[in-house]
Amino acid sequence: MGQQAVAEVAMSVERGHPLVQCQLLASEFYEALRCELRESFYTDGATRRKLISATHQCQRVAIASISPPRMLEELRGALRVLQSDTPPPPILRVIQGGLARI
């Protein structure tokens, strides 16, 4: 499904279709990823990390200010993550807050 979504979005970007149309083409793949992620609770950690990473890349596709070519690159990146033999590293996030006192 991911390969089909990338092919359809690539064709749409090449033809100059609007961003919304490209996002609509990618949405079915994103929804399938989200469903797979919900069902992956009991799968191994590496597979789950791949699904989480790919899902996060697909979330960036939905940003209204993204350009169609950049959207296509994010979608291709999500597909590369899923096809990779090595799981992505854990995702680390910065938690913003006040200064800690020691």
N, C-alpha and C. Protein backbone atom coordinates (compact mmCIF):
# COMPACT_ATOMS: atom_id res chain seq x y z
N MET A 1 0.83 -1.19 0.00
CA MET A 1 0.00 0.00 0.00
C MET A 1 0.87 1.25 0.00
N GLY A 2 1.99 1.20 0.72
CA GLY A 2 2.89 2.34 0.78
C GLY A 2 3.49 2.66 -0.57
N GLN A 3 3.91 1.63 -1.29
CA GLN A 3 4.49 1.85 -2.61
C GLN A 3 3.47 2.44 -3.57
N GLN A 4 2.25 1.98 -3.47
CA GLN A 4 1.18 2.50 -4.33
C GLN A 4 0.92 3.97 -4.00
N ALA A 5 0.90 4.31 -2.70
CA ALA A 5 0.67 5.70 -2.30
C ALA A 5 1.79 6.60 -2.80
N VAL A 6 3.03 6.15 -2.67
CA VAL A 6 4.16 6.95 -3.15
C VAL A 6 4.07 7.15 -4.66
N ALA A 7 3.74 6.09 -5.40
CA ALA A 7 3.64 6.20 -6.86
C ALA A 7 2.53 7.18 -7.26
N GLU A 8 1.39 7.10 -6.60
CA GLU A 8 0.27 7.99 -6.94
C GLU A 8 0.58 9.44 -6.59
N VAL A 9 1.21 9.64 -5.44
CA VAL A 9 1.56 11.01 -5.03
C VAL A 9 2.64 11.55 -5.96
N ALA A 10 3.61 10.73 -6.33
CA ALA A 10 4.67 11.19 -7.25
C ALA A 10 4.08 11.63 -8.58
N MET A 11 3.13 10.87 -9.09
CA MET A 11 2.48 11.22 -10.35
C MET A 11 1.69 12.52 -10.20
N SER A 12 1.03 12.66 -9.07
CA SER A 12 0.24 13.85 -8.81
C SER A 12 1.12 15.09 -8.68
N VAL A 13 2.26 14.95 -7.99
CA VAL A 13 3.20 16.07 -7.83
C VAL A 13 3.77 16.45 -9.19
N GLU A 14 4.11 15.44 -9.98
CA GLU A 14 4.68 15.68 -11.31
C GLU A 14 3.70 16.45 -12.20
N ARG A 15 2.43 16.17 -12.05
CA ARG A 15 1.41 16.84 -12.86
C ARG A 15 1.01 18.20 -12.30
N GLY A 16 1.57 18.56 -11.13
CA GLY A 16 1.28 19.87 -10.56
C GLY A 16 -0.06 19.96 -9.85
N HIS A 17 -0.59 18.85 -9.40
CA HIS A 17 -1.86 18.87 -8.69
C HIS A 17 -1.71 19.58 -7.35
N PRO A 18 -2.80 20.10 -6.81
CA PRO A 18 -2.73 20.82 -5.54
C PRO A 18 -2.31 19.92 -4.37
N LEU A 19 -1.76 20.54 -3.35
CA LEU A 19 -1.29 19.81 -2.16
C LEU A 19 -2.39 18.96 -1.55
N VAL A 20 -3.58 19.50 -1.45
CA VAL A 20 -4.69 18.77 -0.81
C VAL A 20 -4.96 17.45 -1.54
N GLN A 21 -4.89 17.46 -2.84
CA GLN A 21 -5.11 16.23 -3.60
C GLN A 21 -4.00 15.21 -3.30
N CYS A 22 -2.77 15.68 -3.21
CA CYS A 22 -1.65 14.80 -2.89
C CYS A 22 -1.81 14.22 -1.48
N GLN A 23 -2.24 15.05 -0.54
CA GLN A 23 -2.45 14.59 0.83
C GLN A 23 -3.58 13.56 0.90
N LEU A 24 -4.60 13.76 0.12
CA LEU A 24 -5.71 12.82 0.08
C LEU A 24 -5.23 11.44 -0.41
N LEU A 25 -4.37 11.44 -1.41
CA LEU A 25 -3.83 10.19 -1.92
C LEU A 25 -3.01 9.46 -0.86
N ALA A 26 -2.30 10.20 -0.03
CA ALA A 26 -1.45 9.61 1.00
C ALA A 26 -2.23 9.20 2.25
N SER A 27 -3.42 9.71 2.42
CA SER A 27 -4.17 9.50 3.66
C SER A 27 -4.54 8.03 3.90
N GLU A 28 -4.81 7.28 2.86
CA GLU A 28 -5.18 5.87 3.04
C GLU A 28 -4.00 5.08 3.61
N PHE A 29 -2.81 5.38 3.13
CA PHE A 29 -1.61 4.74 3.64
C PHE A 29 -1.40 5.11 5.12
N TYR A 30 -1.58 6.37 5.44
CA TYR A 30 -1.43 6.82 6.82
C TYR A 30 -2.44 6.13 7.73
N GLU A 31 -3.67 6.03 7.31
CA GLU A 31 -4.69 5.36 8.13
C GLU A 31 -4.36 3.88 8.33
N ALA A 32 -3.84 3.23 7.30
CA ALA A 32 -3.44 1.83 7.42
C ALA A 32 -2.29 1.69 8.42
N LEU A 33 -1.35 2.63 8.38
CA LEU A 33 -0.25 2.62 9.35
C LEU A 33 -0.76 2.79 10.78
N ARG A 34 -1.67 3.71 10.97
CA ARG A 34 -2.23 3.93 12.31
C ARG A 34 -2.94 2.69 12.82
N CYS A 35 -3.68 2.03 11.95
CA CYS A 35 -4.38 0.80 12.34
C CYS A 35 -3.39 -0.29 12.72
N GLU A 36 -2.35 -0.44 11.91
CA GLU A 36 -1.30 -1.42 12.19
C GLU A 36 -0.60 -1.12 13.51
N LEU A 37 -0.38 0.16 13.78
CA LEU A 37 0.26 0.56 15.03
C LEU A 37 -0.61 0.21 16.23
N ARG A 38 -1.90 0.45 16.13
CA ARG A 38 -2.81 0.10 17.23
C ARG A 38 -2.80 -1.40 17.49
N GLU A 39 -2.69 -2.20 16.44
CA GLU A 39 -2.71 -3.65 16.58
C GLU A 39 -1.35 -4.24 16.94
N SER A 40 -0.31 -3.41 16.94
CA SER A 40 1.04 -3.91 17.16
C SER A 40 1.47 -3.90 18.62
N PHE A 41 0.55 -3.77 19.52
CA PHE A 41 0.87 -3.66 20.94
C PHE A 41 1.71 -4.84 21.41
N TYR A 42 1.42 -6.03 20.91
CA TYR A 42 2.11 -7.23 21.37
C TYR A 42 3.24 -7.67 20.45
N THR A 43 3.56 -6.91 19.43
CA THR A 43 4.66 -7.29 18.54
C THR A 43 5.98 -6.86 19.15
N ASP A 44 7.07 -7.28 18.52
CA ASP A 44 8.38 -6.94 19.05
C ASP A 44 8.63 -5.43 18.98
N GLY A 45 9.55 -4.97 19.80
CA GLY A 45 9.83 -3.55 19.91
C GLY A 45 10.36 -2.93 18.63
N ALA A 46 11.17 -3.69 17.87
CA ALA A 46 11.76 -3.15 16.64
C ALA A 46 10.67 -2.84 15.61
N THR A 47 9.72 -3.74 15.46
CA THR A 47 8.64 -3.52 14.50
C THR A 47 7.78 -2.34 14.94
N ARG A 48 7.51 -2.27 16.21
CA ARG A 48 6.68 -1.17 16.73
C ARG A 48 7.38 0.17 16.53
N ARG A 49 8.70 0.22 16.76
CA ARG A 49 9.45 1.48 16.54
C ARG A 49 9.40 1.89 15.08
N LYS A 50 9.49 0.91 14.17
CA LYS A 50 9.38 1.22 12.74
C LYS A 50 8.03 1.85 12.43
N LEU A 51 6.98 1.25 12.97
CA LEU A 51 5.64 1.77 12.72
C LEU A 51 5.46 3.17 13.30
N ILE A 52 6.00 3.39 14.49
CA ILE A 52 5.89 4.71 15.12
C ILE A 52 6.64 5.75 14.29
N SER A 53 7.85 5.41 13.87
CA SER A 53 8.65 6.34 13.08
C SER A 53 7.97 6.67 11.75
N ALA A 54 7.47 5.65 11.07
CA ALA A 54 6.79 5.87 9.79
C ALA A 54 5.52 6.69 9.99
N THR A 55 4.79 6.44 11.06
CA THR A 55 3.58 7.20 11.35
C THR A 55 3.91 8.67 11.60
N HIS A 56 4.99 8.94 12.32
CA HIS A 56 5.39 10.33 12.57
C HIS A 56 5.75 11.04 11.28
N GLN A 57 6.42 10.34 10.37
CA GLN A 57 6.74 10.97 9.08
C GLN A 57 5.47 11.26 8.30
N CYS A 58 4.52 10.36 8.36
CA CYS A 58 3.26 10.59 7.65
C CYS A 58 2.48 11.74 8.27
N GLN A 59 2.63 11.95 9.56
CA GLN A 59 1.95 13.09 10.19
C GLN A 59 2.50 14.40 9.64
N ARG A 60 3.78 14.44 9.32
CA ARG A 60 4.36 15.66 8.75
C ARG A 60 3.81 15.93 7.35
N VAL A 61 3.34 14.90 6.68
CA VAL A 61 2.74 15.06 5.35
C VAL A 61 1.48 15.90 5.41
N ALA A 62 0.79 15.86 6.54
CA ALA A 62 -0.50 16.55 6.68
C ALA A 62 -0.37 18.04 6.99
N ILE A 63 0.83 18.55 7.18
CA ILE A 63 1.02 19.96 7.50
C ILE A 63 0.58 20.81 6.31
N ALA A 64 -0.21 21.82 6.59
CA ALA A 64 -0.77 22.65 5.52
C ALA A 64 0.29 23.46 4.77
N SER A 65 1.39 23.78 5.41
CA SER A 65 2.40 24.62 4.76
C SER A 65 3.48 23.83 4.01
N ILE A 66 3.36 22.53 3.99
CA ILE A 66 4.36 21.70 3.32
C ILE A 66 4.18 21.80 1.80
N SER A 67 5.26 21.73 1.08
CA SER A 67 5.16 21.76 -0.39
C SER A 67 4.93 20.32 -0.89
N PRO A 68 4.29 20.17 -2.04
CA PRO A 68 4.07 18.82 -2.56
C PRO A 68 5.37 18.01 -2.73
N PRO A 69 6.47 18.58 -3.26
CA PRO A 69 7.70 17.78 -3.35
C PRO A 69 8.23 17.35 -1.98
N ARG A 70 8.14 18.24 -0.99
CA ARG A 70 8.60 17.88 0.36
C ARG A 70 7.71 16.81 0.95
N MET A 71 6.42 16.90 0.68
CA MET A 71 5.47 15.90 1.15
C MET A 71 5.83 14.53 0.59
N LEU A 72 6.17 14.50 -0.69
CA LEU A 72 6.54 13.25 -1.34
C LEU A 72 7.80 12.67 -0.70
N GLU A 73 8.76 13.52 -0.36
CA GLU A 73 9.99 13.04 0.30
C GLU A 73 9.68 12.44 1.67
N GLU A 74 8.79 13.06 2.43
CA GLU A 74 8.40 12.53 3.74
C GLU A 74 7.73 11.17 3.57
N LEU A 75 6.89 11.05 2.58
CA LEU A 75 6.19 9.79 2.32
C LEU A 75 7.18 8.70 1.91
N ARG A 76 8.13 9.06 1.07
CA ARG A 76 9.18 8.10 0.69
C ARG A 76 10.02 7.70 1.90
N GLY A 77 10.27 8.64 2.78
CA GLY A 77 11.02 8.35 4.00
C GLY A 77 10.29 7.36 4.89
N ALA A 78 8.99 7.53 5.00
CA ALA A 78 8.19 6.59 5.80
C ALA A 78 8.26 5.18 5.20
N LEU A 79 8.21 5.11 3.90
CA LEU A 79 8.30 3.81 3.22
C LEU A 79 9.68 3.18 3.43
N ARG A 80 10.74 4.00 3.36
CA ARG A 80 12.10 3.48 3.59
C ARG A 80 12.24 2.91 5.00
N VAL A 81 11.64 3.59 5.97
CA VAL A 81 11.69 3.10 7.35
C VAL A 81 11.03 1.73 7.45
N LEU A 82 9.89 1.58 6.82
CA LEU A 82 9.17 0.31 6.89
C LEU A 82 9.91 -0.81 6.17
N GLN A 83 10.63 -0.49 5.12
CA GLN A 83 11.33 -1.50 4.34
C GLN A 83 12.72 -1.81 4.88
N SER A 84 13.18 -1.03 5.83
CA SER A 84 14.52 -1.19 6.38
C SER A 84 14.61 -2.44 7.26
N ASP A 85 15.79 -3.06 7.24
CA ASP A 85 16.03 -4.22 8.09
C ASP A 85 16.40 -3.82 9.51
N THR A 86 16.88 -2.61 9.68
CA THR A 86 17.26 -2.16 11.01
C THR A 86 16.23 -1.18 11.54
N PRO A 87 15.85 -1.33 12.79
CA PRO A 87 14.86 -0.41 13.36
C PRO A 87 15.47 0.96 13.57
N PRO A 88 14.64 1.99 13.50
CA PRO A 88 15.15 3.34 13.77
C PRO A 88 15.52 3.47 15.24
N PRO A 89 16.40 4.38 15.57
CA PRO A 89 16.74 4.58 16.99
C PRO A 89 15.52 5.11 17.73
N PRO A 90 15.50 4.93 19.04
CA PRO A 90 14.37 5.47 19.81
C PRO A 90 14.24 6.97 19.60
N ILE A 91 13.03 7.45 19.66
CA ILE A 91 12.76 8.87 19.45
C ILE A 91 12.91 9.59 20.78
N LEU A 92 13.78 10.59 20.80
CA LEU A 92 13.99 11.38 22.00
C LEU A 92 13.40 12.76 21.78
N ARG A 93 12.73 13.27 22.78
CA ARG A 93 12.12 14.58 22.67
C ARG A 93 12.61 15.46 23.82
N VAL A 94 12.74 16.73 23.54
CA VAL A 94 13.12 17.70 24.56
C VAL A 94 11.86 18.14 25.29
N ILE A 95 11.92 18.08 26.59
CA ILE A 95 10.80 18.53 27.41
C ILE A 95 11.14 19.92 27.89
N GLN A 96 10.32 20.90 27.50
CA GLN A 96 10.59 22.26 27.88
C GLN A 96 10.00 22.55 29.24
N GLY A 97 10.69 23.33 29.99
CA GLY A 97 10.21 23.68 31.30
C GLY A 97 11.13 24.70 31.94
N GLY A 98 10.95 24.90 33.20
CA GLY A 98 11.77 25.86 33.93
C GLY A 98 13.14 25.28 34.26
N LEU A 99 13.95 26.08 34.91
CA LEU A 99 15.27 25.63 35.32
C LEU A 99 15.16 24.69 36.51
N ALA A 100 15.91 23.63 36.46
CA ALA A 100 15.94 22.68 37.58
C ALA A 100 16.87 23.21 38.66
N ARG A 101 16.52 23.00 39.88
CA ARG A 101 17.39 23.42 41.01
C ARG A 101 17.96 22.17 41.64
N ILE A 102 19.24 22.22 41.84
CA ILE A 102 19.90 21.06 42.45
C ILE A 102 20.30 21.39 43.86
